[in-house]
Amino acid sequence: ERLKNMIKSPLIKILGWVSEDSLAKYY
């Protein structure tokens, strides 16, 4: 929550944890 409150740019996203398949796609 503290990190989310630091975000000033719409280009920065915090997604939380994602599935293993999704993680591989993000990489």
PDB file of all heavy atoms in Angstrom:
ATOM      1  N   GLU A   1       0.823  -1.201   0.000  1.00  0.00           N
ATOM      2  CA  GLU A   1       0.000   0.000   0.000  1.00  0.00           C
ATOM      3  C   GLU A   1       0.861   1.257   0.000  1.00  0.00           C
ATOM      4  O   GLU A   1       0.541   2.240  -0.683  1.00  0.00           O
ATOM      5  CB  GLU A   1      -0.942  -0.004   1.203  1.00  0.00           C
ATOM      6  CG  GLU A   1      -2.027  -1.071   1.127  1.00  0.00           C
ATOM      7  CD  GLU A   1      -2.826  -1.002  -0.171  1.00  0.00           C
ATOM      8  OE1 GLU A   1      -3.217   0.114  -0.562  1.00  0.00           O
ATOM      9  OE2 GLU A   1      -3.033  -2.062  -0.790  1.00  0.00           O
ATOM     10  N   ARG A   2       1.942   1.250   0.753  1.00  0.00           N
ATOM     11  CA  ARG A   2       2.817   2.426   0.781  1.00  0.00           C
ATOM     12  C   ARG A   2       3.426   2.673  -0.593  1.00  0.00           C
ATOM     13  O   ARG A   2       3.503   3.825  -1.051  1.00  0.00           O
ATOM     14  CB  ARG A   2       3.931   2.229   1.805  1.00  0.00           C
ATOM     15  CG  ARG A   2       4.785   3.485   2.014  1.00  0.00           C
ATOM     16  CD  ARG A   2       5.871   3.253   3.043  1.00  0.00           C
ATOM     17  NE  ARG A   2       7.002   2.543   2.481  1.00  0.00           N
ATOM     18  CZ  ARG A   2       8.015   3.159   1.857  1.00  0.00           C
ATOM     19  NH1 ARG A   2       8.017   4.473   1.700  1.00  0.00           N
ATOM     20  NH2 ARG A   2       9.028   2.459   1.394  1.00  0.00           N
ATOM     21  N   LEU A   3       3.836   1.605  -1.270  1.00  0.00           N
ATOM     22  CA  LEU A   3       4.413   1.751  -2.603  1.00  0.00           C
ATOM     23  C   LEU A   3       3.380   2.254  -3.601  1.00  0.00           C
ATOM     24  O   LEU A   3       3.683   3.085  -4.468  1.00  0.00           O
ATOM     25  CB  LEU A   3       5.007   0.418  -3.060  1.00  0.00           C
ATOM     26  CG  LEU A   3       6.222  -0.083  -2.272  1.00  0.00           C
ATOM     27  CD1 LEU A   3       6.611  -1.482  -2.719  1.00  0.00           C
ATOM     28  CD2 LEU A   3       7.402   0.870  -2.424  1.00  0.00           C
ATOM     29  N   LYS A   4       2.150   1.758  -3.488  1.00  0.00           N
ATOM     30  CA  LYS A   4       1.085   2.245  -4.377  1.00  0.00           C
ATOM     31  C   LYS A   4       0.873   3.745  -4.206  1.00  0.00           C
ATOM     32  O   LYS A   4       0.640   4.469  -5.182  1.00  0.00           O
ATOM     33  CB  LYS A   4      -0.220   1.490  -4.099  1.00  0.00           C
ATOM     34  CG  LYS A   4      -0.290   0.108  -4.721  1.00  0.00           C
ATOM     35  CD  LYS A   4      -1.670  -0.498  -4.511  1.00  0.00           C
ATOM     36  CE  LYS A   4      -1.807  -1.824  -5.267  1.00  0.00           C
ATOM     37  NZ  LYS A   4      -3.157  -2.414  -5.088  1.00  0.00           N
ATOM     38  N   ASN A   5       0.968   4.205  -2.978  1.00  0.00           N
ATOM     39  CA  ASN A   5       0.769   5.636  -2.708  1.00  0.00           C
ATOM     40  C   ASN A   5       1.920   6.487  -3.231  1.00  0.00           C
ATOM     41  O   ASN A   5       1.761   7.707  -3.381  1.00  0.00           O
ATOM     42  CB  ASN A   5       0.598   5.860  -1.206  1.00  0.00           C
ATOM     43  CG  ASN A   5      -0.706   5.287  -0.678  1.00  0.00           C
ATOM     44  OD1 ASN A   5      -1.692   5.180  -1.412  1.00  0.00           O
ATOM     45  ND2 ASN A   5      -0.735   4.920   0.592  1.00  0.00           N
ATOM     46  N   MET A   6       3.064   5.867  -3.508  1.00  0.00           N
ATOM     47  CA  MET A   6       4.209   6.605  -4.051  1.00  0.00           C
ATOM     48  C   MET A   6       4.095   6.834  -5.549  1.00  0.00           C
ATOM     49  O   MET A   6       4.770   7.703  -6.101  1.00  0.00           O
ATOM     50  CB  MET A   6       5.509   5.832  -3.780  1.00  0.00           C
ATOM     51  CG  MET A   6       5.977   5.809  -2.352  1.00  0.00           C
ATOM     52  SD  MET A   6       7.551   4.902  -2.232  1.00  0.00           S
ATOM     53  CE  MET A   6       8.590   5.863  -3.344  1.00  0.00           C
ATOM     54  N   ILE A   7       3.264   6.058  -6.216  1.00  0.00           N
ATOM     55  CA  ILE A   7       3.190   6.103  -7.669  1.00  0.00           C
ATOM     56  C   ILE A   7       2.547   7.409  -8.141  1.00  0.00           C
ATOM     57  O   ILE A   7       1.432   7.756  -7.746  1.00  0.00           O
ATOM     58  CB  ILE A   7       2.406   4.895  -8.205  1.00  0.00           C
ATOM     59  CG1 ILE A   7       3.168   3.597  -7.892  1.00  0.00           C
ATOM     60  CG2 ILE A   7       2.178   5.017  -9.711  1.00  0.00           C
ATOM     61  CD1 ILE A   7       2.415   2.333  -8.256  1.00  0.00           C
ATOM     62  N   LYS A   8       3.255   8.137  -8.988  1.00  0.00           N
ATOM     63  CA  LYS A   8       2.763   9.392  -9.559  1.00  0.00           C
ATOM     64  C   LYS A   8       2.544   9.301 -11.069  1.00  0.00           C
ATOM     65  O   LYS A   8       1.987  10.199 -11.676  1.00  0.00           O
ATOM     66  CB  LYS A   8       3.755  10.528  -9.279  1.00  0.00           C
ATOM     67  CG  LYS A   8       4.158  10.684  -7.815  1.00  0.00           C
ATOM     68  CD  LYS A   8       2.969  10.983  -6.924  1.00  0.00           C
ATOM     69  CE  LYS A   8       3.412  11.152  -5.462  1.00  0.00           C
ATOM     70  NZ  LYS A   8       2.254  11.321  -4.555  1.00  0.00           N
ATOM     71  N   SER A   9       3.004   8.214 -11.662  1.00  0.00           N
ATOM     72  CA  SER A   9       2.906   8.043 -13.111  1.00  0.00           C
ATOM     73  C   SER A   9       1.924   6.925 -13.448  1.00  0.00           C
ATOM     74  O   SER A   9       1.975   5.857 -12.842  1.00  0.00           O
ATOM     75  CB  SER A   9       4.283   7.711 -13.697  1.00  0.00           C
ATOM     76  OG  SER A   9       4.167   7.276 -15.041  1.00  0.00           O
ATOM     77  N   PRO A  10       1.057   7.123 -14.422  1.00  0.00           N
ATOM     78  CA  PRO A  10       0.125   6.065 -14.839  1.00  0.00           C
ATOM     79  C   PRO A  10       0.833   4.898 -15.528  1.00  0.00           C
ATOM     80  O   PRO A  10       0.210   3.860 -15.788  1.00  0.00           O
ATOM     81  CB  PRO A  10      -0.817   6.785 -15.808  1.00  0.00           C
ATOM     82  CG  PRO A  10      -0.017   7.944 -16.337  1.00  0.00           C
ATOM     83  CD  PRO A  10       0.859   8.374 -15.197  1.00  0.00           C
ATOM     84  N   LEU A  11       2.127   5.062 -15.802  1.00  0.00           N
ATOM     85  CA  LEU A  11       2.881   4.011 -16.484  1.00  0.00           C
ATOM     86  C   LEU A  11       3.445   2.978 -15.508  1.00  0.00           C
ATOM     87  O   LEU A  11       4.042   1.988 -15.934  1.00  0.00           O
ATOM     88  CB  LEU A  11       4.031   4.632 -17.286  1.00  0.00           C
ATOM     89  CG  LEU A  11       3.623   5.616 -18.398  1.00  0.00           C
ATOM     90  CD1 LEU A  11       4.853   6.220 -19.046  1.00  0.00           C
ATOM     91  CD2 LEU A  11       2.764   4.920 -19.436  1.00  0.00           C
ATOM     92  N   ILE A  12       3.262   3.211 -14.207  1.00  0.00           N
ATOM     93  CA  ILE A  12       3.773   2.295 -13.188  1.00  0.00           C
ATOM     94  C   ILE A  12       2.612   1.488 -12.616  1.00  0.00           C
ATOM     95  O   ILE A  12       1.610   2.053 -12.181  1.00  0.00           O
ATOM     96  CB  ILE A  12       4.490   3.049 -12.058  1.00  0.00           C
ATOM     97  CG1 ILE A  12       5.639   3.885 -12.617  1.00  0.00           C
ATOM     98  CG2 ILE A  12       5.001   2.076 -10.991  1.00  0.00           C
ATOM     99  CD1 ILE A  12       6.311   4.776 -11.592  1.00  0.00           C
ATOM    100  N   LYS A  13       2.750   0.161 -12.598  1.00  0.00           N
ATOM    101  CA  LYS A  13       1.685  -0.712 -12.115  1.00  0.00           C
ATOM    102  C   LYS A  13       2.231  -1.741 -11.134  1.00  0.00           C
ATOM    103  O   LYS A  13       3.277  -2.337 -11.371  1.00  0.00           O
ATOM    104  CB  LYS A  13       1.017  -1.450 -13.290  1.00  0.00           C
ATOM    105  CG  LYS A  13       0.385  -0.530 -14.320  1.00  0.00           C
ATOM    106  CD  LYS A  13      -0.173  -1.325 -15.492  1.00  0.00           C
ATOM    107  CE  LYS A  13      -0.758  -0.398 -16.551  1.00  0.00           C
ATOM    108  NZ  LYS A  13      -1.274  -1.160 -17.716  1.00  0.00           N
ATOM    109  N   ILE A  14       1.504  -1.940 -10.032  1.00  0.00           N
ATOM    110  CA  ILE A  14       1.793  -3.018  -9.096  1.00  0.00           C
ATOM    111  C   ILE A  14       0.675  -4.045  -9.228  1.00  0.00           C
ATOM    112  O   ILE A  14      -0.483  -3.760  -8.935  1.00  0.00           O
ATOM    113  CB  ILE A  14       1.892  -2.510  -7.649  1.00  0.00           C
ATOM    114  CG1 ILE A  14       3.050  -1.518  -7.509  1.00  0.00           C
ATOM    115  CG2 ILE A  14       2.088  -3.679  -6.676  1.00  0.00           C
ATOM    116  CD1 ILE A  14       3.206  -0.934  -6.115  1.00  0.00           C
ATOM    117  N   LEU A  15       1.012  -5.247  -9.651  1.00  0.00           N
ATOM    118  CA  LEU A  15       0.006  -6.250  -9.998  1.00  0.00           C
ATOM    119  C   LEU A  15      -0.271  -7.259  -8.895  1.00  0.00           C
ATOM    120  O   LEU A  15      -1.240  -8.014  -8.990  1.00  0.00           O
ATOM    121  CB  LEU A  15       0.434  -7.011 -11.257  1.00  0.00           C
ATOM    122  CG  LEU A  15       0.715  -6.169 -12.513  1.00  0.00           C
ATOM    123  CD1 LEU A  15       1.065  -7.097 -13.676  1.00  0.00           C
ATOM    124  CD2 LEU A  15      -0.468  -5.290 -12.868  1.00  0.00           C
ATOM    125  N   GLY A  16       0.551  -7.295  -7.843  1.00  0.00           N
ATOM    126  CA  GLY A  16       0.425  -8.392  -6.880  1.00  0.00           C
ATOM    127  C   GLY A  16       1.019  -9.648  -7.485  1.00  0.00           C
ATOM    128  O   GLY A  16       1.730  -9.616  -8.490  1.00  0.00           O
ATOM    129  N   TRP A  17       0.736 -10.796  -6.865  1.00  0.00           N
ATOM    130  CA  TRP A  17       1.234 -12.053  -7.402  1.00  0.00           C
ATOM    131  C   TRP A  17       0.351 -12.524  -8.553  1.00  0.00           C
ATOM    132  O   TRP A  17      -0.858 -12.313  -8.532  1.00  0.00           O
ATOM    133  CB  TRP A  17       1.293 -13.129  -6.323  1.00  0.00           C
ATOM    134  CG  TRP A  17       2.389 -12.905  -5.327  1.00  0.00           C
ATOM    135  CD1 TRP A  17       2.260 -12.556  -4.025  1.00  0.00           C
ATOM    136  CD2 TRP A  17       3.795 -12.958  -5.585  1.00  0.00           C
ATOM    137  NE1 TRP A  17       3.490 -12.404  -3.439  1.00  0.00           N
ATOM    138  CE2 TRP A  17       4.448 -12.641  -4.369  1.00  0.00           C
ATOM    139  CE3 TRP A  17       4.569 -13.248  -6.709  1.00  0.00           C
ATOM    140  CZ2 TRP A  17       5.833 -12.608  -4.249  1.00  0.00           C
ATOM    141  CZ3 TRP A  17       5.951 -13.208  -6.586  1.00  0.00           C
ATOM    142  CH2 TRP A  17       6.560 -12.897  -5.373  1.00  0.00           C
ATOM    143  N   VAL A  18       0.981 -13.149  -9.541  1.00  0.00           N
ATOM    144  CA  VAL A  18       0.264 -13.668 -10.704  1.00  0.00           C
ATOM    145  C   VAL A  18       0.578 -15.156 -10.835  1.00  0.00           C
ATOM    146  O   VAL A  18       1.487 -15.682 -10.190  1.00  0.00           O
ATOM    147  CB  VAL A  18       0.669 -12.918 -11.991  1.00  0.00           C
ATOM    148  CG1 VAL A  18       0.356 -11.429 -11.869  1.00  0.00           C
ATOM    149  CG2 VAL A  18       2.147 -13.138 -12.321  1.00  0.00           C
ATOM    150  N   SER A  19      -0.169 -15.844 -11.670  1.00  0.00           N
ATOM    151  CA  SER A  19       0.060 -17.274 -11.883  1.00  0.00           C
ATOM    152  C   SER A  19       1.406 -17.492 -12.568  1.00  0.00           C
ATOM    153  O   SER A  19       1.991 -16.574 -13.161  1.00  0.00           O
ATOM    154  CB  SER A  19      -1.052 -17.861 -12.752  1.00  0.00           C
ATOM    155  OG  SER A  19      -0.954 -17.364 -14.073  1.00  0.00           O
ATOM    156  N   GLU A  20       1.902 -18.730 -12.496  1.00  0.00           N
ATOM    157  CA  GLU A  20       3.189 -19.060 -13.106  1.00  0.00           C
ATOM    158  C   GLU A  20       3.165 -18.832 -14.617  1.00  0.00           C
ATOM    159  O   GLU A  20       4.125 -18.342 -15.198  1.00  0.00           O
ATOM    160  CB  GLU A  20       3.556 -20.515 -12.794  1.00  0.00           C
ATOM    161  CG  GLU A  20       3.949 -20.765 -11.355  1.00  0.00           C
ATOM    162  CD  GLU A  20       5.243 -20.072 -10.994  1.00  0.00           C
ATOM    163  OE1 GLU A  20       6.268 -20.320 -11.654  1.00  0.00           O
ATOM    164  OE2 GLU A  20       5.231 -19.265 -10.039  1.00  0.00           O
ATOM    165  N   ASP A  21       2.065 -19.181 -15.259  1.00  0.00           N
ATOM    166  CA  ASP A  21       1.967 -18.979 -16.706  1.00  0.00           C
ATOM    167  C   ASP A  21       1.980 -17.495 -17.049  1.00  0.00           C
ATOM    168  O   ASP A  21       2.633 -17.079 -18.013  1.00  0.00           O
ATOM    169  CB  ASP A  21       0.691 -19.639 -17.245  1.00  0.00           C
ATOM    170  CG  ASP A  21       0.775 -21.164 -17.245  1.00  0.00           C
ATOM    171  OD1 ASP A  21       1.906 -21.692 -17.165  1.00  0.00           O
ATOM    172  OD2 ASP A  21      -0.285 -21.819 -17.314  1.00  0.00           O
ATOM    173  N   SER A  22       1.254 -16.721 -16.268  1.00  0.00           N
ATOM    174  CA  SER A  22       1.231 -15.271 -16.512  1.00  0.00           C
ATOM    175  C   SER A  22       2.604 -14.658 -16.268  1.00  0.00           C
ATOM    176  O   SER A  22       3.048 -13.775 -17.013  1.00  0.00           O
ATOM    177  CB  SER A  22       0.196 -14.593 -15.614  1.00  0.00           C
ATOM    178  OG  SER A  22      -1.109 -15.001 -15.954  1.00  0.00           O
ATOM    179  N   LEU A  23       3.278 -15.134 -15.236  1.00  0.00           N
ATOM    180  CA  LEU A  23       4.609 -14.616 -14.931  1.00  0.00           C
ATOM    181  C   LEU A  23       5.556 -14.850 -16.100  1.00  0.00           C
ATOM    182  O   LEU A  23       6.313 -13.948 -16.489  1.00  0.00           O
ATOM    183  CB  LEU A  23       5.155 -15.299 -13.677  1.00  0.00           C
ATOM    184  CG  LEU A  23       6.561 -14.891 -13.240  1.00  0.00           C
ATOM    185  CD1 LEU A  23       6.600 -13.409 -12.905  1.00  0.00           C
ATOM    186  CD2 LEU A  23       7.019 -15.727 -12.048  1.00  0.00           C
ATOM    187  N   ALA A  24       5.520 -16.038 -16.678  1.00  0.00           N
ATOM    188  CA  ALA A  24       6.387 -16.342 -17.816  1.00  0.00           C
ATOM    189  C   ALA A  24       6.106 -15.396 -18.981  1.00  0.00           C
ATOM    190  O   ALA A  24       7.034 -14.950 -19.675  1.00  0.00           O
ATOM    191  CB  ALA A  24       6.189 -17.797 -18.249  1.00  0.00           C
ATOM    192  N   LYS A  25       4.836 -15.052 -19.182  1.00  0.00           N
ATOM    193  CA  LYS A  25       4.482 -14.128 -20.270  1.00  0.00           C
ATOM    194  C   LYS A  25       4.975 -12.718 -19.994  1.00  0.00           C
ATOM    195  O   LYS A  25       5.410 -12.004 -20.908  1.00  0.00           O
ATOM    196  CB  LYS A  25       2.969 -14.148 -20.488  1.00  0.00           C
ATOM    197  CG  LYS A  25       2.460 -15.453 -21.080  1.00  0.00           C
ATOM    198  CD  LYS A  25       0.948 -15.443 -21.241  1.00  0.00           C
ATOM    199  CE  LYS A  25       0.450 -16.773 -21.806  1.00  0.00           C
ATOM    200  NZ  LYS A  25      -1.020 -16.794 -21.933  1.00  0.00           N
ATOM    201  N   TYR A  26       4.915 -12.299 -18.718  1.00  0.00           N
ATOM    202  CA  TYR A  26       5.419 -10.960 -18.385  1.00  0.00           C
ATOM    203  C   TYR A  26       6.924 -10.875 -18.627  1.00  0.00           C
ATOM    204  O   TYR A  26       7.429  -9.846 -19.112  1.00  0.00           O
ATOM    205  CB  TYR A  26       5.077 -10.609 -16.944  1.00  0.00           C
ATOM    206  CG  TYR A  26       3.686 -10.038 -16.786  1.00  0.00           C
ATOM    207  CD1 TYR A  26       2.654 -10.800 -16.261  1.00  0.00           C
ATOM    208  CD2 TYR A  26       3.406  -8.726 -17.181  1.00  0.00           C
ATOM    209  CE1 TYR A  26       1.371 -10.287 -16.126  1.00  0.00           C
ATOM    210  CE2 TYR A  26       2.133  -8.196 -17.048  1.00  0.00           C
ATOM    211  CZ  TYR A  26       1.104  -8.980 -16.522  1.00  0.00           C
ATOM    212  OH  TYR A  26      -0.148  -8.462 -16.402  1.00  0.00           O
ATOM    213  N   TYR A  27       7.646 -11.939 -18.288  1.00  0.00           N
ATOM    214  CA  TYR A  27       9.076 -11.959 -18.615  1.00  0.00           C
ATOM    215  C   TYR A  27       9.281 -11.890 -20.124  1.00  0.00           C
ATOM    216  O   TYR A  27      10.138 -11.145 -20.612  1.00  0.00           O
ATOM    217  CB  TYR A  27       9.717 -13.248 -18.085  1.00  0.00           C
ATOM    218  CG  TYR A  27      10.068 -13.249 -16.618  1.00  0.00           C
ATOM    219  CD1 TYR A  27       9.571 -14.244 -15.762  1.00  0.00           C
ATOM    220  CD2 TYR A  27      10.925 -12.300 -16.074  1.00  0.00           C
ATOM    221  CE1 TYR A  27       9.913 -14.279 -14.421  1.00  0.00           C
ATOM    222  CE2 TYR A  27      11.265 -12.317 -14.730  1.00  0.00           C
ATOM    223  CZ  TYR A  27      10.751 -13.309 -13.908  1.00  0.00           C
ATOM    224  OH  TYR A  27      11.089 -13.331 -12.581  1.00  0.00           O
TER     225      TYR A  27
END
